[in-house]
Amino acid sequence: MPLSRAVLERQLKQAELSLADRVKALKGAGKAEETYSLDPVWRSASAACASIRRRLVAVAAVEANDAEVARRKLEPKPEPAKEEAKPAKSEKAKAEKSKAAAKPEEQKSKKEKAKPAKAE
């Protein structure tokens, strides 16, 4: 549930106000600060504050990433290294390649001839 920084900061202020109101009520009731965590309303308000703070940290990370992307888009792109044109293969090289491809077939047929047939 991504929200803008302004919205999250407003929500954080509201959550902190509700937490402060609960602390004020607990102090009025004579509770010690160590026992605040036993109050379910205080725990809920405290958890809401913590959750919003975590979301603000995530928003900061996204903003930093967006700034980096914008910076990289403005940078000039490096020129790719140009490769020299390769000379066309000669007819001789093509003929040698076709001969090399035919050799494994010839070797296979020689091996089959060399094996004696099994006698049953």
PDB file of N, CA and C in Angstrom:
ATOM      1  N   MET A   1       0.844  -1.158   0.000  1.00  0.00           N
ATOM      2  CA  MET A   1       0.000   0.000   0.000  1.00  0.00           C
ATOM      3  C   MET A   1       0.900   1.235   0.000  1.00  0.00           C
ATOM      4  N   PRO A   2       1.549   1.503  -1.136  1.00  0.00           N
ATOM      5  CA  PRO A   2       2.463   2.643  -1.199  1.00  0.00           C
ATOM      6  C   PRO A   2       1.722   3.978  -1.148  1.00  0.00           C
ATOM      7  N   LEU A   3       2.207   4.861  -0.329  1.00  0.00           N
ATOM      8  CA  LEU A   3       1.642   6.196  -0.209  1.00  0.00           C
ATOM      9  C   LEU A   3       2.767   7.211  -0.327  1.00  0.00           C
ATOM     10  N   SER A   4       2.386   8.439  -0.554  1.00  0.00           N
ATOM     11  CA  SER A   4       3.400   9.480  -0.676  1.00  0.00           C
ATOM     12  C   SER A   4       3.964   9.832   0.700  1.00  0.00           C
ATOM     13  N   ARG A   5       5.105  10.483   0.656  1.00  0.00           N
ATOM     14  CA  ARG A   5       5.764  10.882   1.904  1.00  0.00           C
ATOM     15  C   ARG A   5       4.869  11.809   2.714  1.00  0.00           C
ATOM     16  N   ALA A   6       4.189  12.747   2.058  1.00  0.00           N
ATOM     17  CA  ALA A   6       3.341  13.715   2.773  1.00  0.00           C
ATOM     18  C   ALA A   6       2.204  13.009   3.501  1.00  0.00           C
ATOM     19  N   VAL A   7       1.590  12.040   2.856  1.00  0.00           N
ATOM     20  CA  VAL A   7       0.479  11.312   3.483  1.00  0.00           C
ATOM     21  C   VAL A   7       0.981  10.524   4.690  1.00  0.00           C
ATOM     22  N   LEU A   8       2.115   9.851   4.518  1.00  0.00           N
ATOM     23  CA  LEU A   8       2.652   9.057   5.629  1.00  0.00           C
ATOM     24  C   LEU A   8       3.070   9.943   6.803  1.00  0.00           C
ATOM     25  N   GLU A   9       3.646  11.101   6.509  1.00  0.00           N
ATOM     26  CA  GLU A   9       4.026  11.996   7.604  1.00  0.00           C
ATOM     27  C   GLU A   9       2.802  12.517   8.349  1.00  0.00           C
ATOM     28  N   ARG A  10       1.722  12.784   7.608  1.00  0.00           N
ATOM     29  CA  ARG A  10       0.483  13.218   8.261  1.00  0.00           C
ATOM     30  C   ARG A  10      -0.076  12.091   9.130  1.00  0.00           C
ATOM     31  N   GLN A  11      -0.071  10.872   8.612  1.00  0.00           N
ATOM     32  CA  GLN A  11      -0.557   9.732   9.386  1.00  0.00           C
ATOM     33  C   GLN A  11       0.301   9.516  10.638  1.00  0.00           C
ATOM     34  N   LEU A  12       1.605   9.713  10.504  1.00  0.00           N
ATOM     35  CA  LEU A  12       2.498   9.543  11.652  1.00  0.00           C
ATOM     36  C   LEU A  12       2.186  10.576  12.732  1.00  0.00           C
ATOM     37  N   LYS A  13       1.929  11.811  12.329  1.00  0.00           N
ATOM     38  CA  LYS A  13       1.567  12.842  13.315  1.00  0.00           C
ATOM     39  C   LYS A  13       0.297  12.453  14.060  1.00  0.00           C
ATOM     40  N   GLN A  14      -0.702  11.969  13.328  1.00  0.00           N
ATOM     41  CA  GLN A  14      -1.965  11.566  13.958  1.00  0.00           C
ATOM     42  C   GLN A  14      -1.748  10.388  14.919  1.00  0.00           C
ATOM     43  N   ALA A  15      -0.944   9.422  14.488  1.00  0.00           N
ATOM     44  CA  ALA A  15      -0.674   8.256  15.336  1.00  0.00           C
ATOM     45  C   ALA A  15       0.082   8.674  16.593  1.00  0.00           C
ATOM     46  N   GLU A  16       1.039   9.589  16.451  1.00  0.00           N
ATOM     47  CA  GLU A  16       1.788  10.052  17.622  1.00  0.00           C
ATOM     48  C   GLU A  16       0.891  10.844  18.569  1.00  0.00           C
ATOM     49  N   LEU A  17      -0.063  11.597  18.003  1.00  0.00           N
ATOM     50  CA  LEU A  17      -1.014  12.321  18.859  1.00  0.00           C
ATOM     51  C   LEU A  17      -1.892  11.357  19.649  1.00  0.00           C
ATOM     52  N   SER A  18      -2.357  10.304  18.994  1.00  0.00           N
ATOM     53  CA  SER A  18      -3.190   9.335  19.710  1.00  0.00           C
ATOM     54  C   SER A  18      -2.373   8.604  20.772  1.00  0.00           C
ATOM     55  N   LEU A  19      -1.111   8.331  20.492  1.00  0.00           N
ATOM     56  CA  LEU A  19      -0.238   7.697  21.483  1.00  0.00           C
ATOM     57  C   LEU A  19      -0.015   8.638  22.667  1.00  0.00           C
ATOM     58  N   ALA A  20       0.195   9.913  22.370  1.00  0.00           N
ATOM     59  CA  ALA A  20       0.407  10.895  23.445  1.00  0.00           C
ATOM     60  C   ALA A  20      -0.859  11.040  24.303  1.00  0.00           C
ATOM     61  N   ASP A  21      -2.028  10.996  23.663  1.00  0.00           N
ATOM     62  CA  ASP A  21      -3.283  11.061  24.416  1.00  0.00           C
ATOM     63  C   ASP A  21      -3.418   9.865  25.353  1.00  0.00           C
ATOM     64  N   ARG A  22      -3.035   8.687  24.853  1.00  0.00           N
ATOM     65  CA  ARG A  22      -3.147   7.484  25.690  1.00  0.00           C
ATOM     66  C   ARG A  22      -2.153   7.549  26.853  1.00  0.00           C
ATOM     67  N   VAL A  23      -0.957   8.050  26.584  1.00  0.00           N
ATOM     68  CA  VAL A  23       0.047   8.190  27.657  1.00  0.00           C
ATOM     69  C   VAL A  23      -0.479   9.159  28.713  1.00  0.00           C
ATOM     70  N   LYS A  24      -1.096  10.244  28.268  1.00  0.00           N
ATOM     71  CA  LYS A  24      -1.657  11.224  29.195  1.00  0.00           C
ATOM     72  C   LYS A  24      -2.743  10.591  30.054  1.00  0.00           C
ATOM     73  N   ALA A  25      -3.600   9.756  29.437  1.00  0.00           N
ATOM     74  CA  ALA A  25      -4.660   9.072  30.178  1.00  0.00           C
ATOM     75  C   ALA A  25      -4.063   8.087  31.182  1.00  0.00           C
ATOM     76  N   LEU A  26      -3.029   7.378  30.776  1.00  0.00           N
ATOM     77  CA  LEU A  26      -2.405   6.407  31.675  1.00  0.00           C
ATOM     78  C   LEU A  26      -1.712   7.118  32.845  1.00  0.00           C
ATOM     79  N   LYS A  27      -1.059   8.252  32.557  1.00  0.00           N
ATOM     80  CA  LYS A  27      -0.426   9.015  33.639  1.00  0.00           C
ATOM     81  C   LYS A  27      -1.496   9.535  34.600  1.00  0.00           C
ATOM     82  N   GLY A  28      -2.632   9.964  34.047  1.00  0.00           N
ATOM     83  CA  GLY A  28      -3.737  10.450  34.885  1.00  0.00           C
ATOM     84  C   GLY A  28      -4.291   9.352  35.769  1.00  0.00           C
ATOM     85  N   ALA A  29      -4.204   8.112  35.306  1.00  0.00           N
ATOM     86  CA  ALA A  29      -4.686   6.980  36.087  1.00  0.00           C
ATOM     87  C   ALA A  29      -3.632   6.515  37.088  1.00  0.00           C
ATOM     88  N   GLY A  30      -2.456   7.124  37.068  1.00  0.00           N
ATOM     89  CA  GLY A  30      -1.422   6.782  38.041  1.00  0.00           C
ATOM     90  C   GLY A  30      -0.591   5.571  37.642  1.00  0.00           C
ATOM     91  N   LYS A  31      -0.529   5.247  36.375  1.00  0.00           N
ATOM     92  CA  LYS A  31       0.264   4.093  35.918  1.00  0.00           C
ATOM     93  C   LYS A  31       1.721   4.512  35.719  1.00  0.00           C
ATOM     94  N   ALA A  32       2.624   3.582  35.973  1.00  0.00           N
ATOM     95  CA  ALA A  32       4.055   3.827  35.760  1.00  0.00           C
ATOM     96  C   ALA A  32       4.384   3.604  34.284  1.00  0.00           C
ATOM     97  N   GLU A  33       5.460   4.238  33.817  1.00  0.00           N
ATOM     98  CA  GLU A  33       5.853   4.100  32.404  1.00  0.00           C
ATOM     99  C   GLU A  33       6.155   2.656  32.024  1.00  0.00           C
ATOM    100  N   GLU A  34       6.647   1.876  32.959  1.00  0.00           N
ATOM    101  CA  GLU A  34       6.996   0.477  32.671  1.00  0.00           C
ATOM    102  C   GLU A  34       5.749  -0.360  32.401  1.00  0.00           C
ATOM    103  N   THR A  35       4.597   0.073  32.872  1.00  0.00           N
ATOM    104  CA  THR A  35       3.369  -0.714  32.695  1.00  0.00           C
ATOM    105  C   THR A  35       2.578  -0.277  31.466  1.00  0.00           C
ATOM    106  N   TYR A  36       3.067   0.712  30.724  1.00  0.00           N
ATOM    107  CA  TYR A  36       2.347   1.144  29.520  1.00  0.00           C
ATOM    108  C   TYR A  36       2.205  -0.010  28.529  1.00  0.00           C
ATOM    109  N   SER A  37       3.220  -0.824  28.433  1.00  0.00           N
ATOM    110  CA  SER A  37       3.185  -1.921  27.463  1.00  0.00           C
ATOM    111  C   SER A  37       2.130  -2.973  27.805  1.00  0.00           C
ATOM    112  N   LEU A  38       1.591  -2.929  28.997  1.00  0.00           N
ATOM    113  CA  LEU A  38       0.530  -3.868  29.371  1.00  0.00           C
ATOM    114  C   LEU A  38      -0.839  -3.385  28.899  1.00  0.00           C
ATOM    115  N   ASP A  39      -0.942  -2.122  28.512  1.00  0.00           N
ATOM    116  CA  ASP A  39      -2.203  -1.550  28.062  1.00  0.00           C
ATOM    117  C   ASP A  39      -2.391  -1.844  26.563  1.00  0.00           C
ATOM    118  N   PRO A  40      -3.481  -2.510  26.182  1.00  0.00           N
ATOM    119  CA  PRO A  40      -3.663  -2.874  24.774  1.00  0.00           C
ATOM    120  C   PRO A  40      -3.840  -1.669  23.847  1.00  0.00           C
ATOM    121  N   VAL A  41      -4.466  -0.602  24.306  1.00  0.00           N
ATOM    122  CA  VAL A  41      -4.657   0.579  23.465  1.00  0.00           C
ATOM    123  C   VAL A  41      -3.303   1.260  23.209  1.00  0.00           C
ATOM    124  N   TRP A  42      -2.462   1.337  24.238  1.00  0.00           N
ATOM    125  CA  TRP A  42      -1.134   1.926  24.078  1.00  0.00           C
ATOM    126  C   TRP A  42      -0.294   1.089  23.111  1.00  0.00           C
ATOM    127  N   ARG A  43      -0.372  -0.244  23.255  1.00  0.00           N
ATOM    128  CA  ARG A  43       0.391  -1.130  22.362  1.00  0.00           C
ATOM    129  C   ARG A  43      -0.044  -0.941  20.911  1.00  0.00           C
ATOM    130  N   SER A  44      -1.346  -0.824  20.696  1.00  0.00           N
ATOM    131  CA  SER A  44      -1.857  -0.637  19.346  1.00  0.00           C
ATOM    132  C   SER A  44      -1.377   0.691  18.750  1.00  0.00           C
ATOM    133  N   ALA A  45      -1.448   1.764  19.531  1.00  0.00           N
ATOM    134  CA  ALA A  45      -0.999   3.075  19.052  1.00  0.00           C
ATOM    135  C   ALA A  45       0.504   3.077  18.793  1.00  0.00           C
ATOM    136  N   SER A  46       1.258   2.413  19.650  1.00  0.00           N
ATOM    137  CA  SER A  46       2.701   2.335  19.480  1.00  0.00           C
ATOM    138  C   SER A  46       3.056   1.533  18.228  1.00  0.00           C
ATOM    139  N   ALA A  47       2.335   0.451  17.997  1.00  0.00           N
ATOM    140  CA  ALA A  47       2.576  -0.374  16.811  1.00  0.00           C
ATOM    141  C   ALA A  47       2.242   0.400  15.540  1.00  0.00           C
ATOM    142  N   ALA A  48       1.191   1.196  15.564  1.00  0.00           N
ATOM    143  CA  ALA A  48       0.828   2.001  14.395  1.00  0.00           C
ATOM    144  C   ALA A  48       1.945   3.003  14.075  1.00  0.00           C
ATOM    145  N   CYS A  49       2.503   3.625  15.092  1.00  0.00           N
ATOM    146  CA  CYS A  49       3.611   4.573  14.890  1.00  0.00           C
ATOM    147  C   CYS A  49       4.824   3.861  14.276  1.00  0.00           C
ATOM    148  N   ALA A  50       5.144   2.706  14.819  1.00  0.00           N
ATOM    149  CA  ALA A  50       6.300   1.958  14.321  1.00  0.00           C
ATOM    150  C   ALA A  50       6.088   1.529  12.870  1.00  0.00           C
ATOM    151  N   SER A  51       4.876   1.100  12.547  1.00  0.00           N
ATOM    152  CA  SER A  51       4.563   0.664  11.195  1.00  0.00           C
ATOM    153  C   SER A  51       4.708   1.807  10.197  1.00  0.00           C
ATOM    154  N   ILE A  52       4.201   2.964  10.550  1.00  0.00           N
ATOM    155  CA  ILE A  52       4.285   4.119   9.661  1.00  0.00           C
ATOM    156  C   ILE A  52       5.748   4.555   9.497  1.00  0.00           C
ATOM    157  N   ARG A  53       6.532   4.477  10.553  1.00  0.00           N
ATOM    158  CA  ARG A  53       7.954   4.837  10.454  1.00  0.00           C
ATOM    159  C   ARG A  53       8.689   3.910   9.490  1.00  0.00           C
ATOM    160  N   ARG A  54       8.369   2.615   9.569  1.00  0.00           N
ATOM    161  CA  ARG A  54       8.991   1.647   8.649  1.00  0.00           C
ATOM    162  C   ARG A  54       8.616   1.966   7.205  1.00  0.00           C
ATOM    163  N   ARG A  55       7.366   2.334   6.975  1.00  0.00           N
ATOM    164  CA  ARG A  55       6.932   2.678   5.632  1.00  0.00           C
ATOM    165  C   ARG A  55       7.629   3.947   5.133  1.00  0.00           C
ATOM    166  N   LEU A  56       7.870   4.884   6.027  1.00  0.00           N
ATOM    167  CA  LEU A  56       8.602   6.096   5.640  1.00  0.00           C
ATOM    168  C   LEU A  56      10.033   5.768   5.222  1.00  0.00           C
ATOM    169  N   VAL A  57      10.646   4.816   5.907  1.00  0.00           N
ATOM    170  CA  VAL A  57      12.001   4.390   5.541  1.00  0.00           C
ATOM    171  C   VAL A  57      11.985   3.762   4.140  1.00  0.00           C
ATOM    172  N   ALA A  58      10.948   2.971   3.861  1.00  0.00           N
ATOM    173  CA  ALA A  58      10.829   2.353   2.539  1.00  0.00           C
ATOM    174  C   ALA A  58      10.617   3.414   1.461  1.00  0.00           C
ATOM    175  N   VAL A  59       9.834   4.431   1.762  1.00  0.00           N
ATOM    176  CA  VAL A  59       9.612   5.515   0.808  1.00  0.00           C
ATOM    177  C   VAL A  59      10.929   6.241   0.531  1.00  0.00           C
ATOM    178  N   ALA A  60      11.731   6.441   1.548  1.00  0.00           N
ATOM    179  CA  ALA A  60      13.027   7.095   1.368  1.00  0.00           C
ATOM    180  C   ALA A  60      13.924   6.272   0.440  1.00  0.00           C
ATOM    181  N   ALA A  61      13.881   4.951   0.587  1.00  0.00           N
ATOM    182  CA  ALA A  61      14.693   4.086  -0.269  1.00  0.00           C
ATOM    183  C   ALA A  61      14.221   4.175  -1.721  1.00  0.00           C
ATOM    184  N   VAL A  62      12.911   4.203  -1.930  1.00  0.00           N
ATOM    185  CA  VAL A  62      12.364   4.309  -3.285  1.00  0.00           C
ATOM    186  C   VAL A  62      12.731   5.658  -3.899  1.00  0.00           C
ATOM    187  N   GLU A  63      12.649   6.717  -3.097  1.00  0.00           N
ATOM    188  CA  GLU A  63      13.013   8.048  -3.598  1.00  0.00           C
ATOM    189  C   GLU A  63      14.485   8.102  -3.992  1.00  0.00           C
ATOM    190  N   ALA A  64      15.338   7.463  -3.199  1.00  0.00           N
ATOM    191  CA  ALA A  64      16.771   7.429  -3.524  1.00  0.00           C
ATOM    192  C   ALA A  64      17.001   6.669  -4.822  1.00  0.00           C
ATOM    193  N   ASN A  65      16.287   5.572  -5.009  1.00  0.00           N
ATOM    194  CA  ASN A  65      16.413   4.776  -6.226  1.00  0.00           C
ATOM    195  C   ASN A  65      15.935   5.585  -7.431  1.00  0.00           C
ATOM    196  N   ASP A  66      14.812   6.266  -7.295  1.00  0.00           N
ATOM    197  CA  ASP A  66      14.288   7.089  -8.389  1.00  0.00           C
ATOM    198  C   ASP A  66      15.271   8.197  -8.756  1.00  0.00           C
ATOM    199  N   ALA A  67      15.897   8.801  -7.766  1.00  0.00           N
ATOM    200  CA  ALA A  67      16.877   9.854  -8.035  1.00  0.00           C
ATOM    201  C   ALA A  67      18.078   9.286  -8.792  1.00  0.00           C
ATOM    202  N   GLU A  68      18.521   8.097  -8.422  1.00  0.00           N
ATOM    203  CA  GLU A  68      19.646   7.455  -9.098  1.00  0.00           C
ATOM    204  C   GLU A  68      19.288   7.134 -10.551  1.00  0.00           C
ATOM    205  N   VAL A  69      18.066   6.661 -10.775  1.00  0.00           N
ATOM    206  CA  VAL A  69      17.624   6.348 -12.133  1.00  0.00           C
ATOM    207  C   VAL A  69      17.587   7.618 -12.977  1.00  0.00           C
ATOM    208  N   ALA A  70      17.058   8.697 -12.418  1.00  0.00           N
ATOM    209  CA  ALA A  70      16.987   9.962 -13.142  1.00  0.00           C
ATOM    210  C   ALA A  70      18.394  10.481 -13.463  1.00  0.00           C
ATOM    211  N   ARG A  71      19.324  10.317 -12.524  1.00  0.00           N
ATOM    212  CA  ARG A  71      20.695  10.765 -12.750  1.00  0.00           C
ATOM    213  C   ARG A  71      21.336   9.976 -13.887  1.00  0.00           C
ATOM    214  N   ARG A  72      21.110   8.665 -13.898  1.00  0.00           N
ATOM    215  CA  ARG A  72      21.712   7.820 -14.936  1.00  0.00           C
ATOM    216  C   ARG A  72      21.112   8.100 -16.304  1.00  0.00           C
ATOM    217  N   LYS A  73      19.831   8.456 -16.343  1.00  0.00           N
ATOM    218  CA  LYS A  73      19.206   8.770 -17.631  1.00  0.00           C
ATOM    219  C   LYS A  73      19.797  10.037 -18.237  1.00  0.00           C
ATOM    220  N   LEU A  74      20.230  10.959 -17.385  1.00  0.00           N
ATOM    221  CA  LEU A  74      20.792  12.208 -17.880  1.00  0.00           C
ATOM    222  C   LEU A  74      22.238  12.072 -18.350  1.00  0.00           C
ATOM    223  N   GLU A  75      22.931  11.055 -17.868  1.00  0.00           N
ATOM    224  CA  GLU A  75      24.320  10.841 -18.262  1.00  0.00           C
ATOM    225  C   GLU A  75      24.393  10.386 -19.717  1.00  0.00           C
ATOM    226  N   PRO A  76      25.419  10.821 -20.443  1.00  0.00           N
ATOM    227  CA  PRO A  76      25.561  10.336 -21.824  1.00  0.00           C
ATOM    228  C   PRO A  76      25.951   8.863 -21.810  1.00  0.00           C
ATOM    229  N   LYS A  77      25.411   8.141 -22.762  1.00  0.00           N
ATOM    230  CA  LYS A  77      25.709   6.708 -22.830  1.00  0.00           C
ATOM    231  C   LYS A  77      27.091   6.504 -23.440  1.00  0.00           C
ATOM    232  N   PRO A  78      27.852   5.550 -22.916  1.00  0.00           N
ATOM    233  CA  PRO A  78      29.177   5.283 -23.498  1.00  0.00           C
ATOM    234  C   PRO A  78      29.020   4.631 -24.871  1.00  0.00           C
ATOM    235  N   GLU A  79      29.921   4.978 -25.771  1.00  0.00           N
ATOM    236  CA  GLU A  79      29.892   4.420 -27.120  1.00  0.00           C
ATOM    237  C   GLU A  79      30.307   2.951 -27.066  1.00  0.00           C
ATOM    238  N   PRO A  80      29.558   2.072 -27.716  1.00  0.00           N
ATOM    239  CA  PRO A  80      29.980   0.673 -27.737  1.00  0.00           C
ATOM    240  C   PRO A  80      31.228   0.521 -28.600  1.00  0.00           C
ATOM    241  N   ALA A  81      32.063  -0.418 -28.238  1.00  0.00           N
ATOM    242  CA  ALA A  81      33.293  -0.658 -28.979  1.00  0.00           C
ATOM    243  C   ALA A  81      32.944  -1.179 -30.366  1.00  0.00           C
ATOM    244  N   LYS A  82      33.525  -0.552 -31.385  1.00  0.00           N
ATOM    245  CA  LYS A  82      33.227  -0.965 -32.757  1.00  0.00           C
ATOM    246  C   LYS A  82      34.137  -2.125 -33.125  1.00  0.00           C
ATOM    247  N   GLU A  83      33.532  -3.145 -33.690  1.00  0.00           N
ATOM    248  CA  GLU A  83      34.309  -4.296 -34.124  1.00  0.00           C
ATOM    249  C   GLU A  83      34.686  -4.103 -35.587  1.00  0.00           C
ATOM    250  N   GLU A  84      35.875  -4.550 -35.922  1.00  0.00           N
ATOM    251  CA  GLU A  84      36.304  -4.442 -37.305  1.00  0.00           C
ATOM    252  C   GLU A  84      35.548  -5.470 -38.133  1.00  0.00           C
ATOM    253  N   ALA A  85      35.294  -5.123 -39.375  1.00  0.00           N
ATOM    254  CA  ALA A  85      34.570  -6.033 -40.257  1.00  0.00           C
ATOM    255  C   ALA A  85      35.423  -7.272 -40.495  1.00  0.00           C
ATOM    256  N   LYS A  86      34.814  -8.418 -40.351  1.00  0.00           N
ATOM    257  CA  LYS A  86      35.532  -9.667 -40.565  1.00  0.00           C
ATOM    258  C   LYS A  86      35.539  -9.980 -42.060  1.00  0.00           C
ATOM    259  N   PRO A  87      36.661 -10.452 -42.569  1.00  0.00           N
ATOM    260  CA  PRO A  87      36.689 -10.803 -43.996  1.00  0.00           C
ATOM    261  C   PRO A  87      35.816 -12.033 -44.245  1.00  0.00           C
ATOM    262  N   ALA A  88      35.236 -12.087 -45.417  1.00  0.00           N
ATOM    263  CA  ALA A  88      34.370 -13.223 -45.772  1.00  0.00           C
ATOM    264  C   ALA A  88      35.218 -14.478 -45.859  1.00  0.00           C
ATOM    265  N   LYS A  89      34.612 -15.592 -45.518  1.00  0.00           N
ATOM    266  CA  LYS A  89      35.332 -16.857 -45.584  1.00  0.00           C
ATOM    267  C   LYS A  89      35.560 -17.244 -47.040  1.00  0.00           C
ATOM    268  N   SER A  90      36.716 -17.759 -47.261  1.00  0.00           N
ATOM    269  CA  SER A  90      37.040 -18.173 -48.628  1.00  0.00           C
ATOM    270  C   SER A  90      36.386 -19.518 -48.926  1.00  0.00           C
ATOM    271  N   GLU A  91      36.344 -19.832 -50.178  1.00  0.00           N
ATOM    272  CA  GLU A  91      35.757 -21.104 -50.602  1.00  0.00           C
ATOM    273  C   GLU A  91      36.547 -22.281 -50.028  1.00  0.00           C
ATOM    274  N   LYS A  92      37.843 -22.096 -49.878  1.00  0.00           N
ATOM    275  CA  LYS A  92      38.686 -23.169 -49.362  1.00  0.00           C
ATOM    276  C   LYS A  92      38.317 -23.488 -47.918  1.00  0.00           C
ATOM    277  N   ALA A  93      38.085 -22.463 -47.118  1.00  0.00           N
ATOM    278  CA  ALA A  93      37.728 -22.665 -45.716  1.00  0.00           C
ATOM    279  C   ALA A  93      36.372 -23.350 -45.602  1.00  0.00           C
ATOM    280  N   LYS A  94      35.445 -22.982 -46.458  1.00  0.00           N
ATOM    281  CA  LYS A  94      34.118 -23.609 -46.447  1.00  0.00           C
ATOM    282  C   LYS A  94      34.223 -25.084 -46.812  1.00  0.00           C
ATOM    283  N   ALA A  95      35.060 -25.417 -47.773  1.00  0.00           N
ATOM    284  CA  ALA A  95      35.228 -26.809 -48.200  1.00  0.00           C
ATOM    285  C   ALA A  95      35.843 -27.632 -47.075  1.00  0.00           C
ATOM    286  N   GLU A  96      36.838 -27.059 -46.372  1.00  0.00           N
ATOM    287  CA  GLU A  96      37.456 -27.772 -45.260  1.00  0.00           C
ATOM    288  C   GLU A  96      36.462 -28.033 -44.138  1.00  0.00           C
ATOM    289  N   LYS A  97      35.594 -27.074 -43.906  1.00  0.00           N
ATOM    290  CA  LYS A  97      34.601 -27.237 -42.852  1.00  0.00           C
ATOM    291  C   LYS A  97      33.627 -28.362 -43.203  1.00  0.00           C
ATOM    292  N   SER A  98      33.216 -28.447 -44.436  1.00  0.00           N
ATOM    293  CA  SER A  98      32.285 -29.501 -44.835  1.00  0.00           C
ATOM    294  C   SER A  98      32.959 -30.870 -44.765  1.00  0.00           C
ATOM    295  N   LYS A  99      34.259 -30.925 -45.083  1.00  0.00           N
ATOM    296  CA  LYS A  99      34.999 -32.186 -44.972  1.00  0.00           C
ATOM    297  C   LYS A  99      35.100 -32.623 -43.518  1.00  0.00           C
ATOM    298  N   ALA A 100      35.317 -31.669 -42.624  1.00  0.00           N
ATOM    299  CA  ALA A 100      35.447 -31.983 -41.202  1.00  0.00           C
ATOM    300  C   ALA A 100      34.127 -32.514 -40.668  1.00  0.00           C
ATOM    301  N   ALA A 101      33.029 -32.033 -41.177  1.00  0.00           N
ATOM    302  CA  ALA A 101      31.724 -32.499 -40.732  1.00  0.00           C
ATOM    303  C   ALA A 101      31.466 -33.909 -41.246  1.00  0.00           C
ATOM    304  N   ALA A 102      31.999 -34.254 -42.407  1.00  0.00           N
ATOM    305  CA  ALA A 102      31.782 -35.574 -42.989  1.00  0.00           C
ATOM    306  C   ALA A 102      32.663 -36.630 -42.331  1.00  0.00           C
ATOM    307  N   LYS A 103      33.799 -36.278 -41.778  1.00  0.00           N
ATOM    308  CA  LYS A 103      34.732 -37.231 -41.175  1.00  0.00           C
ATOM    309  C   LYS A 103      34.114 -38.052 -40.050  1.00  0.00           C
ATOM    310  N   PRO A 104      33.345 -37.488 -39.117  1.00  0.00           N
ATOM    311  CA  PRO A 104      32.795 -38.339 -38.056  1.00  0.00           C
ATOM    312  C   PRO A 104      31.901 -39.449 -38.591  1.00  0.00           C
ATOM    313  N   GLU A 105      31.195 -39.191 -39.667  1.00  0.00           N
ATOM    314  CA  GLU A 105      30.353 -40.234 -40.243  1.00  0.00           C
ATOM    315  C   GLU A 105      31.203 -41.356 -40.814  1.00  0.00           C
ATOM    316  N   GLU A 106      32.313 -40.986 -41.458  1.00  0.00           N
ATOM    317  CA  GLU A 106      33.213 -41.992 -42.018  1.00  0.00           C
ATOM    318  C   GLU A 106      33.843 -42.822 -40.905  1.00  0.00           C
ATOM    319  N   GLN A 107      34.233 -42.168 -39.819  1.00  0.00           N
ATOM    320  CA  GLN A 107      34.845 -42.881 -38.709  1.00  0.00           C
ATOM    321  C   GLN A 107      33.845 -43.841 -38.082  1.00  0.00           C
ATOM    322  N   LYS A 108      32.601 -43.436 -38.002  1.00  0.00           N
ATOM    323  CA  LYS A 108      31.573 -44.283 -37.408  1.00  0.00           C
ATOM    324  C   LYS A 108      31.390 -45.549 -38.255  1.00  0.00           C
ATOM    325  N   SER A 109      31.353 -45.389 -39.545  1.00  0.00           N
ATOM    326  CA  SER A 109      31.148 -46.556 -40.405  1.00  0.00           C
ATOM    327  C   SER A 109      32.356 -47.493 -40.319  1.00  0.00           C
ATOM    328  N   LYS A 110      33.575 -46.962 -40.181  1.00  0.00           N
ATOM    329  CA  LYS A 110      34.761 -47.802 -40.048  1.00  0.00           C
ATOM    330  C   LYS A 110      34.703 -48.602 -38.756  1.00  0.00           C
ATOM    331  N   LYS A 111      34.217 -47.988 -37.673  1.00  0.00           N
ATOM    332  CA  LYS A 111      34.129 -48.687 -36.389  1.00  0.00           C
ATOM    333  C   LYS A 111      33.121 -49.822 -36.471  1.00  0.00           C
ATOM    334  N   GLU A 112      32.030 -49.574 -37.137  1.00  0.00           N
ATOM    335  CA  GLU A 112      31.008 -50.621 -37.260  1.00  0.00           C
ATOM    336  C   GLU A 112      31.537 -51.803 -38.068  1.00  0.00           C
ATOM    337  N   LYS A 113      32.351 -51.532 -39.077  1.00  0.00           N
ATOM    338  CA  LYS A 113      32.913 -52.602 -39.890  1.00  0.00           C
ATOM    339  C   LYS A 113      33.926 -53.400 -39.087  1.00  0.00           C
ATOM    340  N   ALA A 114      34.639 -52.738 -38.185  1.00  0.00           N
ATOM    341  CA  ALA A 114      35.688 -53.388 -37.426  1.00  0.00           C
ATOM    342  C   ALA A 114      35.110 -54.326 -36.369  1.00  0.00           C
ATOM    343  N   LYS A 115      33.910 -54.055 -35.892  1.00  0.00           N
ATOM    344  CA  LYS A 115      33.332 -54.930 -34.870  1.00  0.00           C
ATOM    345  C   LYS A 115      32.834 -56.229 -35.514  1.00  0.00           C
ATOM    346  N   PRO A 116      33.236 -57.338 -34.925  1.00  0.00           N
ATOM    347  CA  PRO A 116      32.726 -58.607 -35.466  1.00  0.00           C
ATOM    348  C   PRO A 116      31.288 -58.822 -34.991  1.00  0.00           C
ATOM    349  N   ALA A 117      30.510 -59.431 -35.792  1.00  0.00           N
ATOM    350  CA  ALA A 117      29.107 -59.701 -35.457  1.00  0.00           C
ATOM    351  C   ALA A 117      29.075 -60.796 -34.415  1.00  0.00           C
ATOM    352  N   LYS A 118      28.150 -60.694 -33.503  1.00  0.00           N
ATOM    353  CA  LYS A 118      28.032 -61.704 -32.430  1.00  0.00           C
ATOM    354  C   LYS A 118      27.441 -62.977 -32.998  1.00  0.00           C
ATOM    355  N   ALA A 119      28.006 -64.052 -32.616  1.00  0.00           N
ATOM    356  CA  ALA A 119      27.491 -65.346 -33.072  1.00  0.00           C
ATOM    357  C   ALA A 119      26.554 -65.882 -32.010  1.00  0.00           C
ATOM    358  N   GLU A 120      25.408 -66.292 -32.476  1.00  0.00           N
ATOM    359  CA  GLU A 120      24.434 -66.804 -31.495  1.00  0.00           C
ATOM    360  C   GLU A 120      24.360 -68.293 -31.524  1.00  0.00           C
TER     361      GLU A 120
END
